[in-house]
């Protein structure tokens, strides 16, 4: 079923090629000189007046007078009108294939699902997210189509199917469904490529190798109970130390890392001791565990917006777990700030494109604990550091999340003062005057642009 879904999705992607001119691409890669802008480079405390020269898909020069570097080039000059120029946003936790509720996905036509995924990718880019780290889902085909120019969307760092134990966060069987050992078939999430059930070290080894063989940039393992799942309590510790180490060993042999879904302290500590390098969520961990995360240099890729409004179609059990996580968020964020934890910016929105439209709400929610500059670092250079941990499995080797010479030309021009008021980014239609990804401009609301030689 999974193979048929990907085959049909491929047919759909191929069918859109003749209509590529309808995509929201306004200019191809070339040479662009951004003038009259205030540059925020992704790391600094403030912005500065300067110019940025883009040639092809890279930033060639960043200076107070980049025009000198453009000598001999036929460049398109873009007058930023004094706007802030900054790196494109990076979302460290998305599920780009979760475009329907579980009930809708049960009998959904795979072509319809693929069409929604393509649409969702385009919408994410137009919200300013030029890169996304997909933390579980069958998005290898979508990534390939975007990279080849057949579809519009962010760069994708894909984990593929997340590994789950039987009765773990990725096991979505109903009580009445028989287990595999008694003749049960694949679960819905296995059929759609969201998860793969693996029990015991040999199965974990095989499942981990399978995902990396398909092109995963990192591995995702379910190490605790979850909020969005029906049957596993959130305080449960999932996978044995030996199983977790098996996944870490496979990832290490491929030169990449393991990130784990983990809410509670016991599961987080077990995962850290097994050698994982990133924790997803972490809302229920205690202070000593947060200090351990900081001391070991582990990333905490967490999210707020998904818990603000529980998604549609969930049970009362699931709703109660969402509220439990939401109520723990304040303490978790305060501890992360106290110990200077490497904090990822993620959203984890699932079950429909309508849910994903709330992606930029994460900026506003984080303002309760962090300054605008701190949040902007999280969503740019901080997340880029997390992505770089993929090592040789990095699908886009190069500098992301910064405005520097040699970095990828993923650039936003902002209406307003994001370093003073981060909440304006909650409204990307208004806030984003220009969106460039990989040297291509996908949105341009500026009134003036001209040629320079």
Foldseek 3Di string as FASTA:
>chain_A
DQVVLLVLLVVLLVVLQVVLVPALFDDAFAKEKEALEFEDFLDDLGTHHAMWIGGFFFTADTGNCCVVVCPPGWYWYDYLNHFYKFFFFEAEEEALQQAAAPVCLPDDDSNVSSVSSLVLQSVCVLLRHQEYEYQFFDCLSVQVSCVVSSGPGHRYQYQWAAEFEVLAQQNQDDPPADDVVVPGDDDSCVSGGRHDYADDLVRLLVVLVVSVVSQHLEHEYEQAHDLQHDGGDRHGGGDDLNSLLSNQVNLVVQQFFYEYEHAEQVSLVSNVVSPGQEYEANLHYDLVSLLVQLVVLGEYEYAALCLVDPDPPGDPSSVVSSVVSNVSNVVVLVSCVVSVHLYAHHHHFGRRSVSCLQNLVRQVVCVVRDALSVVSSRRAVSVQVVLCSSPPSRPDPWDTRTRDRGHGPFMWTFDDDSNHPVCVSSDSVHTTQWTDGSSITSHHNDDDMGIDD
